[in-house]
Amino acid sequence: MNQCETCAYYEYDEEFDEYFCSVNMDEDDYGRLVSESGGRSTCPYYRDGDEYKVVRHQM
């Protein structure tokens, strides 16, 4: 499973019928992200999209 698939910033665009990353980053940020370990590094913008994770942890 791709890390992006569980990220809160991974959104679906109905107009283009595809998923995309909605993080507001410029070209330099994207270049650094891709160049680090050939794009296989952990994304610094990743945010878990599981809204119920905290609730399950409290139970």
C-alpha atoms as a PDB file:
ATOM      1  CA  MET A   1       0.000   0.000   0.000  1.00  0.00           C
ATOM      2  CA  ASN A   2       1.271   3.435  -0.941  1.00  0.00           C
ATOM      3  CA  GLN A   3       1.680   5.833   1.994  1.00  0.00           C
ATOM      4  CA  CYS A   4      -0.301   8.456   0.050  1.00  0.00           C
ATOM      5  CA  GLU A   5      -3.411   6.265   0.044  1.00  0.00           C
ATOM      6  CA  THR A   6      -3.872   6.767   3.801  1.00  0.00           C
ATOM      7  CA  CYS A   7      -2.886  10.453   3.854  1.00  0.00           C
ATOM      8  CA  ALA A   8      -5.427  13.150   4.664  1.00  0.00           C
ATOM      9  CA  TYR A   9      -4.048  15.255   1.793  1.00  0.00           C
ATOM     10  CA  TYR A  10      -4.708  12.576  -0.831  1.00  0.00           C
ATOM     11  CA  GLU A  11      -7.917  13.806  -2.452  1.00  0.00           C
ATOM     12  CA  TYR A  12     -10.052  12.776  -5.385  1.00  0.00           C
ATOM     13  CA  ASP A  13     -10.702  15.210  -8.242  1.00  0.00           C
ATOM     14  CA  GLU A  14     -13.978  14.387 -10.005  1.00  0.00           C
ATOM     15  CA  GLU A  15     -13.194  16.653 -12.951  1.00  0.00           C
ATOM     16  CA  PHE A  16      -9.990  14.778 -13.844  1.00  0.00           C
ATOM     17  CA  ASP A  17     -11.147  11.420 -12.376  1.00  0.00           C
ATOM     18  CA  GLU A  18      -7.918  10.901 -10.415  1.00  0.00           C
ATOM     19  CA  TYR A  19      -6.363  11.301  -6.981  1.00  0.00           C
ATOM     20  CA  PHE A  20      -3.831  14.007  -6.187  1.00  0.00           C
ATOM     21  CA  CYS A  21      -1.831  15.424  -3.293  1.00  0.00           C
ATOM     22  CA  SER A  22      -3.441  18.646  -2.074  1.00  0.00           C
ATOM     23  CA  VAL A  23      -0.453  19.851  -0.029  1.00  0.00           C
ATOM     24  CA  ASN A  24       0.423  23.401  -1.001  1.00  0.00           C
ATOM     25  CA  MET A  25       4.104  23.018  -1.897  1.00  0.00           C
ATOM     26  CA  ASP A  26       6.164  24.865  -4.438  1.00  0.00           C
ATOM     27  CA  GLU A  27       8.406  23.369  -7.116  1.00  0.00           C
ATOM     28  CA  ASP A  28      11.500  23.509  -4.864  1.00  0.00           C
ATOM     29  CA  ASP A  29       9.747  21.603  -2.063  1.00  0.00           C
ATOM     30  CA  TYR A  30       8.569  18.957  -4.514  1.00  0.00           C
ATOM     31  CA  GLY A  31      12.054  18.643  -5.994  1.00  0.00           C
ATOM     32  CA  ARG A  32      13.567  18.071  -2.543  1.00  0.00           C
ATOM     33  CA  LEU A  33      10.899  15.501  -1.708  1.00  0.00           C
ATOM     34  CA  VAL A  34      11.513  13.515  -4.891  1.00  0.00           C
ATOM     35  CA  SER A  35      15.315  13.763  -4.789  1.00  0.00           C
ATOM     36  CA  GLU A  36      15.578  12.383  -1.236  1.00  0.00           C
ATOM     37  CA  SER A  37      16.278   8.683  -1.656  1.00  0.00           C
ATOM     38  CA  GLY A  38      14.786   8.627  -5.137  1.00  0.00           C
ATOM     39  CA  GLY A  39      11.337   9.626  -3.857  1.00  0.00           C
ATOM     40  CA  ARG A  40      11.151   6.672  -1.463  1.00  0.00           C
ATOM     41  CA  SER A  41      11.635   8.648   1.725  1.00  0.00           C
ATOM     42  CA  THR A  42       8.896   9.382   4.220  1.00  0.00           C
ATOM     43  CA  CYS A  43       6.855  12.391   3.194  1.00  0.00           C
ATOM     44  CA  PRO A  44       7.278  15.284   5.661  1.00  0.00           C
ATOM     45  CA  TYR A  45       3.721  16.422   4.878  1.00  0.00           C
ATOM     46  CA  TYR A  46       2.059  13.084   5.641  1.00  0.00           C
ATOM     47  CA  ARG A  47      -0.939  13.310   7.976  1.00  0.00           C
ATOM     48  CA  ASP A  48      -2.889  10.189   8.846  1.00  0.00           C
ATOM     49  CA  GLY A  49      -6.363  10.467   7.360  1.00  0.00           C
ATOM     50  CA  ASP A  50      -7.880   8.120   9.940  1.00  0.00           C
ATOM     51  CA  GLU A  51     -10.173  10.404  11.925  1.00  0.00           C
ATOM     52  CA  TYR A  52     -11.023   7.697  14.445  1.00  0.00           C
ATOM     53  CA  LYS A  53      -7.440   6.757  15.360  1.00  0.00           C
ATOM     54  CA  VAL A  54      -7.466   8.949  18.500  1.00  0.00           C
ATOM     55  CA  VAL A  55     -10.839   7.597  19.608  1.00  0.00           C
ATOM     56  CA  ARG A  56      -9.685   3.977  19.268  1.00  0.00           C
ATOM     57  CA  HIS A  57      -6.524   4.821  21.229  1.00  0.00           C
ATOM     58  CA  GLN A  58      -8.604   6.247  24.123  1.00  0.00           C
ATOM     59  CA  MET A  59     -10.751   3.115  24.460  1.00  0.00           C
END
